[in-house]
Amino acid sequence: MSQQAASGRRSVWVAWIVQALLIAAIIGGVFWLVNHALEVLRARGVRSGFDFLLQPAGFEISEGWLDFSSGQPFWRAFLAGLINTVRAAIPAAVMAVVLGTLLGIGRLAPHVLVRGLCGLYVQLVRNVPLLVQLLMLYFALTQLLPDSTEPIELLDGFWLSKGGLSMPWPVADEGSFWPSHFEWPERGSFNVSGGAALSPEYLAVVIALGLYTAAFVAEIVRAGITSVSQGQKLAAQALGLSPVQQLRIVVLPQALRVIVPALTNQLLSLTKNSSLAVAVGYPELVSIANTSLNSTGRAFECIAVIMAVYLGLSLLISAAMNRYNARVALRGWR
C-alpha cells in the first residue's frame, strides 16, 4: 500500500513538473517572438518598443471611473480602458445570466404563449449579428428618445433622455471614505444634474451585450434542465413540492453540472465581444488602443497590449468558473 502511495505522489510531482516546464516554454516562446518582432521593426526603421507607455497620452477620455487627463501617461489610459471594459462587461454578464435563466425556464413552460414568446426571442436575437443590434440600440437611444431638456422620468429619481440615464448614487461626505447619503438627480432647465449619469454609449453596450448573450444562455439553461432525469422530477412531485420548489431545490442544482461549463464559454465571449463598443464611441480598451496607435504609430505594441489584457481577463474568468464548476460537479468528476 505504501508503494502505491509513493508511486501516486511521484506521478503528481511529475505532472506538476511537466506543466511547469510547458508553461515556462510557452512564456519563453512568447517573449522571444515579441523581441524578434521588435528587432525586425527597428531594423526597418520603424519606431518600436513599449517605452511610449510612459509618455503623456495627449488625449482625453470621455467617461469612466478612473480620472484621466491628457497629460497622464499612456499606461494609465490603457488602465482606464480596461476599467471601462470591466465596467460594461460585469453588468452585461449579470443581465445575460438572469434574463437567460428566465428565458430558458420559459422555453419549457407548459403555457404555449410563454413558450412561444421565449422561443421567438431566442431565435430572433441570436440570429442577428451583435454589431447590428448594438448600432440599432445606439440609434434608438440617441435619436428616438427626447432631448435632455425634456427627459422621461422612469421611476422616482431615474431620468432617461438622449443624454443617457441619470439615477441616484451614494456619495461620501468630505473626509469620509464610506458613502453616507444618496445624491438624487434633479431636472433643470437644460438638463438633469446630480446623481450618476450613464452615457447612451455605455447603455447601448451593456444592453446589447446582455440581450444578445441571454439568448445563448437561455438555450444552455434549457438543455441543462432537460438533462435532469424524469425520475428526479417525479420524486420531487411525490414529496409534494410545488413546481417552483421542484425547480429551485431539485432540478436547477443538478442542471448546473451541465450549465456551468457552457456558460463559461458565453461569459468569455461576452467579455471579448465588448470590444465592439468601439463602434459606438464607448472608450473601452480597444478604443483607447486605437487612439494610442494613431497618435504613436506603435501598432504592434498596442495590439500586443490588447491581446495580453483580453488573455488575462479570459484566464481569470475561466479560473473562477472552473472553481465554481468543481463545487457543483459530481463527486469523482472534478
Protein backbone atom coordinates (compact mmCIF):
# COMPACT_ATOMS: atom_id res chain seq x y z
CA MET A 1 0.00 0.00 0.00
CA SER A 2 2.86 2.36 0.84
CA GLN A 3 4.47 1.63 -2.54
CA GLN A 4 1.22 2.60 -4.28
CA ALA A 5 1.04 5.84 -2.28
CA ALA A 6 4.64 6.68 -3.13
CA SER A 7 4.00 5.94 -6.78
CA GLY A 8 0.93 8.18 -6.71
CA ARG A 9 2.91 11.03 -5.17
CA ARG A 10 5.63 10.66 -7.80
CA SER A 11 3.01 10.79 -10.55
CA VAL A 12 1.60 14.01 -9.11
CA TRP A 13 5.07 15.58 -8.90
CA VAL A 14 5.89 14.53 -12.46
CA ALA A 15 2.62 16.02 -13.70
CA TRP A 16 3.33 19.33 -11.95
CA ILE A 17 6.89 19.46 -13.27
CA VAL A 18 5.73 18.78 -16.83
CA GLN A 19 3.10 21.52 -16.58
CA ALA A 20 5.63 23.99 -15.14
CA LEU A 21 8.07 23.25 -17.94
CA LEU A 22 5.34 23.63 -20.54
CA ILE A 23 4.27 27.00 -19.11
CA ALA A 24 7.89 28.16 -18.99
CA ALA A 25 8.37 27.10 -22.63
CA ILE A 26 5.23 28.99 -23.71
CA ILE A 27 6.28 32.15 -21.85
CA GLY A 28 9.77 31.89 -23.30
CA GLY A 29 8.41 31.44 -26.80
CA VAL A 30 6.12 34.46 -26.49
CA PHE A 31 8.96 36.57 -25.08
CA TRP A 32 11.23 35.55 -27.98
CA LEU A 33 8.55 36.31 -30.59
CA VAL A 34 7.90 39.78 -29.16
CA ASN A 35 11.61 40.61 -29.01
CA HIS A 36 12.16 39.29 -32.53
CA ALA A 37 9.26 41.34 -33.89
CA LEU A 38 10.61 44.49 -32.22
CA GLU A 39 14.10 43.87 -33.64
CA VAL A 40 12.68 43.45 -37.15
CA LEU A 41 10.75 46.70 -36.81
CA ARG A 42 13.84 48.57 -35.59
CA ALA A 43 15.90 47.15 -38.46
CA ARG A 44 13.36 48.59 -40.92
CA GLY A 45 13.48 52.00 -39.29
CA VAL A 46 10.10 51.69 -37.58
CA ARG A 47 9.85 53.07 -34.09
CA SER A 48 9.18 50.23 -31.70
CA GLY A 49 9.20 49.37 -28.04
CA PHE A 50 6.90 49.84 -25.09
CA ASP A 51 8.64 52.95 -23.81
CA PHE A 52 5.76 55.06 -25.18
CA LEU A 53 3.63 53.81 -22.27
CA LEU A 54 5.48 56.28 -20.02
CA GLN A 55 4.91 59.26 -22.32
CA PRO A 56 1.98 61.71 -21.99
CA ALA A 57 -1.06 60.45 -23.88
CA GLY A 58 -2.19 63.81 -25.21
CA PHE A 59 -5.89 62.93 -25.42
CA GLU A 60 -8.87 62.89 -23.09
CA ILE A 61 -11.18 60.02 -22.17
CA SER A 62 -14.84 60.97 -22.22
CA GLU A 63 -16.07 58.81 -19.34
CA GLY A 64 -15.04 56.21 -16.81
CA TRP A 65 -14.37 55.54 -13.15
CA LEU A 66 -10.65 56.35 -13.34
CA ASP A 67 -9.83 60.05 -13.52
CA PHE A 68 -7.68 60.73 -16.56
CA SER A 69 -6.25 63.85 -18.20
CA SER A 70 -4.27 64.34 -21.40
CA GLY A 71 -1.02 64.95 -19.50
CA GLN A 72 -1.02 61.50 -17.92
CA PRO A 73 0.91 58.56 -19.48
CA PHE A 74 -0.38 56.02 -21.95
CA TRP A 75 -0.30 53.17 -19.43
CA ARG A 76 -2.89 54.99 -17.35
CA ALA A 77 -5.03 55.47 -20.46
CA PHE A 78 -4.90 51.71 -21.09
CA LEU A 79 -5.80 51.11 -17.45
CA ALA A 80 -8.79 53.43 -17.81
CA GLY A 81 -9.83 51.50 -20.93
CA LEU A 82 -9.52 48.20 -19.05
CA ILE A 83 -11.68 49.51 -16.20
CA ASN A 84 -14.29 50.71 -18.71
CA THR A 85 -14.29 47.26 -20.32
CA VAL A 86 -14.90 45.57 -16.96
CA ARG A 87 -17.44 48.27 -16.07
CA ALA A 88 -19.51 47.27 -19.11
CA ALA A 89 -18.89 43.51 -19.05
CA ILE A 90 -19.93 42.80 -15.44
CA PRO A 91 -23.46 44.29 -15.53
CA ALA A 92 -23.97 42.83 -19.01
CA ALA A 93 -22.98 39.37 -17.70
CA VAL A 94 -25.38 39.67 -14.76
CA MET A 95 -28.16 40.74 -17.10
CA ALA A 96 -27.42 37.89 -19.51
CA VAL A 97 -27.41 35.20 -16.79
CA VAL A 98 -30.61 36.42 -15.10
CA LEU A 99 -32.55 37.03 -18.31
CA GLY A 100 -31.17 33.90 -19.97
CA THR A 101 -32.20 31.75 -17.00
CA LEU A 102 -35.76 33.11 -17.09
CA LEU A 103 -35.95 32.61 -20.86
CA GLY A 104 -34.58 29.08 -20.58
CA ILE A 105 -37.20 28.20 -17.99
CA GLY A 106 -39.85 29.90 -20.13
CA ARG A 107 -38.85 27.75 -23.10
CA LEU A 108 -40.07 24.73 -21.10
CA ALA A 109 -43.19 26.38 -19.68
CA PRO A 110 -46.49 24.47 -20.07
CA HIS A 111 -48.16 27.64 -21.40
CA VAL A 112 -47.98 27.78 -25.19
CA LEU A 113 -47.85 31.59 -25.36
CA VAL A 114 -44.97 31.91 -22.88
CA ARG A 115 -43.07 29.10 -24.55
CA GLY A 116 -43.61 30.63 -27.99
CA LEU A 117 -42.56 34.15 -26.98
CA CYS A 118 -39.39 32.88 -25.31
CA GLY A 119 -38.57 30.78 -28.36
CA LEU A 120 -39.20 33.73 -30.67
CA TYR A 121 -36.84 35.91 -28.64
CA VAL A 122 -34.09 33.31 -28.73
CA GLN A 123 -34.36 32.68 -32.44
CA LEU A 124 -34.60 36.37 -33.32
CA VAL A 125 -31.81 37.74 -31.14
CA ARG A 126 -29.16 35.06 -31.60
CA ASN A 127 -29.52 35.09 -35.41
CA VAL A 128 -28.96 38.84 -35.80
CA PRO A 129 -25.31 39.96 -35.60
CA LEU A 130 -24.36 41.64 -32.33
CA LEU A 131 -22.88 44.65 -34.10
CA VAL A 132 -26.20 45.31 -35.88
CA GLN A 133 -28.10 45.10 -32.58
CA LEU A 134 -25.59 47.42 -30.92
CA LEU A 135 -25.95 50.04 -33.65
CA MET A 136 -29.75 49.78 -33.58
CA LEU A 137 -29.83 50.28 -29.82
CA TYR A 138 -27.47 53.22 -30.03
CA PHE A 139 -29.63 54.80 -32.72
CA ALA A 140 -32.73 54.30 -30.59
CA LEU A 141 -31.09 55.86 -27.52
CA THR A 142 -29.64 58.87 -29.33
CA GLN A 143 -32.35 59.59 -31.92
CA LEU A 144 -35.71 58.34 -30.68
CA LEU A 145 -35.56 59.46 -27.04
CA PRO A 146 -36.47 63.05 -26.05
CA ASP A 147 -33.82 65.74 -25.63
CA SER A 148 -32.08 66.37 -22.34
CA THR A 149 -34.37 69.34 -21.75
CA GLU A 150 -37.43 67.03 -21.67
CA PRO A 151 -36.29 63.78 -20.01
CA ILE A 152 -38.59 60.87 -19.21
CA GLU A 153 -38.93 60.03 -15.50
CA LEU A 154 -38.92 56.22 -15.41
CA LEU A 155 -39.06 55.98 -11.61
CA ASP A 156 -38.58 58.42 -8.79
CA GLY A 157 -35.09 59.84 -9.39
CA PHE A 158 -34.46 57.98 -12.68
CA TRP A 159 -34.41 60.23 -15.77
CA LEU A 160 -33.88 58.98 -19.34
CA SER A 161 -33.13 61.10 -22.41
CA LYS A 162 -30.77 61.36 -25.37
CA GLY A 163 -28.09 62.34 -22.86
CA GLY A 164 -28.35 58.98 -21.11
CA LEU A 165 -29.73 57.74 -17.81
CA SER A 166 -29.46 59.76 -14.59
CA MET A 167 -30.06 57.95 -11.29
CA PRO A 168 -29.38 58.31 -7.55
CA TRP A 169 -25.86 57.48 -6.40
CA PRO A 170 -24.27 57.03 -2.96
CA VAL A 171 -21.76 59.74 -2.05
CA ALA A 172 -19.47 60.27 0.93
CA ASP A 173 -19.02 63.41 2.95
CA GLU A 174 -15.76 65.29 2.67
CA GLY A 175 -13.02 63.44 4.55
CA SER A 176 -15.06 60.23 4.75
CA PHE A 177 -14.44 57.05 2.78
CA TRP A 178 -17.82 55.29 3.14
CA PRO A 179 -20.93 56.71 1.46
CA SER A 180 -23.21 58.49 3.92
CA HIS A 181 -26.16 59.50 1.74
CA PHE A 182 -27.61 59.36 -1.77
CA GLU A 183 -27.32 62.21 -4.22
CA TRP A 184 -30.52 62.47 -6.24
CA PRO A 185 -30.61 63.86 -9.78
CA GLU A 186 -32.73 66.94 -10.32
CA ARG A 187 -34.30 68.16 -13.52
CA GLY A 188 -33.12 71.62 -14.55
CA SER A 189 -33.97 73.99 -17.36
CA PHE A 190 -31.44 72.48 -19.78
CA ASN A 191 -30.60 69.02 -18.42
CA VAL A 192 -30.63 66.75 -15.40
CA SER A 193 -27.90 67.42 -12.82
CA GLY A 194 -26.72 65.47 -9.80
CA GLY A 195 -26.57 61.75 -9.10
CA ALA A 196 -24.85 59.39 -11.52
CA ALA A 197 -25.15 59.71 -15.29
CA LEU A 198 -24.78 56.74 -17.65
CA SER A 199 -23.99 57.76 -21.22
CA PRO A 200 -26.05 56.42 -24.16
CA GLU A 201 -22.89 54.71 -25.44
CA TYR A 202 -22.50 52.81 -22.17
CA LEU A 203 -26.18 51.89 -22.03
CA ALA A 204 -26.15 50.65 -25.63
CA VAL A 205 -23.12 48.43 -25.00
CA VAL A 206 -24.44 46.91 -21.76
CA ILE A 207 -27.96 46.31 -23.05
CA ALA A 208 -26.81 44.88 -26.40
CA LEU A 209 -24.29 42.52 -24.77
CA GLY A 210 -26.82 41.43 -22.15
CA LEU A 211 -29.71 40.81 -24.55
CA TYR A 212 -27.56 39.05 -27.14
CA THR A 213 -25.80 36.72 -24.70
CA ALA A 214 -29.06 35.98 -22.87
CA ALA A 215 -30.38 34.23 -25.98
CA PHE A 216 -27.49 31.75 -25.87
CA VAL A 217 -27.67 31.36 -22.09
CA ALA A 218 -31.37 30.51 -22.45
CA GLU A 219 -30.57 27.52 -24.66
CA ILE A 220 -27.86 26.39 -22.24
CA VAL A 221 -30.29 26.57 -19.30
CA ARG A 222 -32.97 24.74 -21.29
CA ALA A 223 -30.51 21.97 -22.16
CA GLY A 224 -29.38 21.72 -18.54
CA ILE A 225 -32.93 21.38 -17.24
CA THR A 226 -33.87 18.73 -19.81
CA SER A 227 -30.73 16.77 -18.88
CA VAL A 228 -32.17 16.06 -15.42
CA SER A 229 -33.82 12.66 -15.45
CA GLN A 230 -37.58 12.44 -15.30
CA GLY A 231 -37.31 10.24 -12.22
CA GLN A 232 -35.86 13.15 -10.22
CA LYS A 233 -38.80 15.36 -11.18
CA LEU A 234 -41.33 12.64 -10.34
CA ALA A 235 -39.65 12.10 -6.98
CA ALA A 236 -39.93 15.83 -6.26
CA GLN A 237 -43.62 15.71 -7.14
CA ALA A 238 -44.10 12.71 -4.87
CA LEU A 239 -42.67 14.73 -1.98
CA GLY A 240 -45.39 17.31 -2.52
CA LEU A 241 -43.09 20.09 -3.74
CA SER A 242 -44.61 22.90 -5.77
CA PRO A 243 -43.35 23.48 -9.33
CA VAL A 244 -41.21 26.40 -8.16
CA GLN A 245 -39.75 24.32 -5.31
CA GLN A 246 -39.07 21.44 -7.69
CA LEU A 247 -37.15 23.77 -9.96
CA ARG A 248 -35.23 25.52 -7.18
CA ILE A 249 -34.43 22.58 -4.91
CA VAL A 250 -34.18 19.57 -7.24
CA VAL A 251 -33.85 20.47 -10.92
CA LEU A 252 -31.59 23.54 -11.12
CA PRO A 253 -28.90 22.27 -8.69
CA GLN A 254 -28.49 19.15 -10.84
CA ALA A 255 -28.76 21.10 -14.08
CA LEU A 256 -25.83 23.31 -13.03
CA ARG A 257 -23.46 20.42 -13.80
CA VAL A 258 -24.42 20.79 -17.46
CA ILE A 259 -24.98 24.56 -17.46
CA VAL A 260 -21.75 25.87 -15.91
CA PRO A 261 -19.17 24.62 -18.50
CA ALA A 262 -21.16 26.00 -21.44
CA LEU A 263 -21.97 29.19 -19.52
CA THR A 264 -18.25 29.79 -19.06
CA ASN A 265 -17.82 29.98 -22.83
CA GLN A 266 -20.63 32.52 -23.10
CA LEU A 267 -19.11 34.74 -20.40
CA LEU A 268 -15.77 34.61 -22.20
CA SER A 269 -17.47 35.55 -25.48
CA LEU A 270 -19.33 38.40 -23.81
CA THR A 271 -16.10 39.86 -22.42
CA LYS A 272 -14.38 39.71 -25.79
CA ASN A 273 -17.47 40.98 -27.63
CA SER A 274 -17.25 44.15 -25.53
CA SER A 275 -14.52 45.22 -27.97
CA LEU A 276 -17.36 46.06 -30.41
CA ALA A 277 -18.11 49.06 -28.20
CA VAL A 278 -15.59 51.00 -30.28
CA ALA A 279 -18.29 51.16 -32.97
CA VAL A 280 -20.44 53.50 -30.84
CA GLY A 281 -17.60 55.50 -29.33
CA TYR A 282 -17.52 53.97 -25.85
CA PRO A 283 -13.93 54.39 -24.55
CA GLU A 284 -13.12 50.81 -23.66
CA LEU A 285 -9.76 49.08 -24.16
CA VAL A 286 -9.84 48.71 -27.97
CA SER A 287 -10.97 52.29 -28.44
CA ILE A 288 -8.12 53.57 -26.25
CA ALA A 289 -5.67 51.34 -28.10
CA ASN A 290 -6.84 52.67 -31.49
CA THR A 291 -6.39 56.26 -30.33
CA SER A 292 -2.94 55.43 -28.92
CA LEU A 293 -1.98 53.66 -32.14
CA ASN A 294 -2.94 56.65 -34.26
CA SER A 295 -1.00 59.09 -32.08
CA THR A 296 2.17 56.99 -31.66
CA GLY A 297 2.30 54.67 -34.66
CA ARG A 298 3.10 51.73 -32.35
CA ALA A 299 0.68 49.30 -33.96
CA PHE A 300 2.40 46.09 -32.87
CA GLU A 301 2.73 47.25 -29.28
CA CYS A 302 -0.87 48.45 -28.96
CA ILE A 303 -2.23 45.22 -30.42
CA ALA A 304 0.05 43.23 -28.09
CA VAL A 305 -1.38 45.11 -25.09
CA ILE A 306 -4.93 44.33 -26.25
CA MET A 307 -4.10 40.65 -26.67
CA ALA A 308 -2.41 40.43 -23.28
CA VAL A 309 -5.27 42.13 -21.45
CA TYR A 310 -8.01 40.02 -23.02
CA LEU A 311 -5.96 36.89 -22.40
CA GLY A 312 -5.61 37.84 -18.74
CA LEU A 313 -9.33 38.57 -18.39
CA SER A 314 -10.24 35.28 -20.07
CA LEU A 315 -7.93 33.30 -17.80
CA LEU A 316 -9.39 34.96 -14.70
CA ILE A 317 -12.95 34.21 -15.81
CA SER A 318 -12.04 30.61 -16.68
CA ALA A 319 -10.32 30.09 -13.31
CA ALA A 320 -13.30 31.46 -11.38
CA MET A 321 -15.85 29.44 -13.34
CA ASN A 322 -13.77 26.26 -13.17
CA ARG A 323 -13.57 26.63 -9.40
CA TYR A 324 -17.33 27.03 -9.21
CA ASN A 325 -17.82 24.11 -11.60
CA ALA A 326 -15.73 21.92 -9.30
CA ARG A 327 -18.13 22.72 -6.46
CA VAL A 328 -21.26 21.69 -8.38
CA ALA A 329 -19.72 18.74 -10.26
CA LEU A 330 -20.47 15.15 -9.36
CA ARG A 331 -18.03 13.52 -6.97
CA GLY A 332 -15.32 11.76 -8.95
CA TRP A 333 -15.75 14.06 -12.00
CA ARG A 334 -13.78 17.09 -10.79
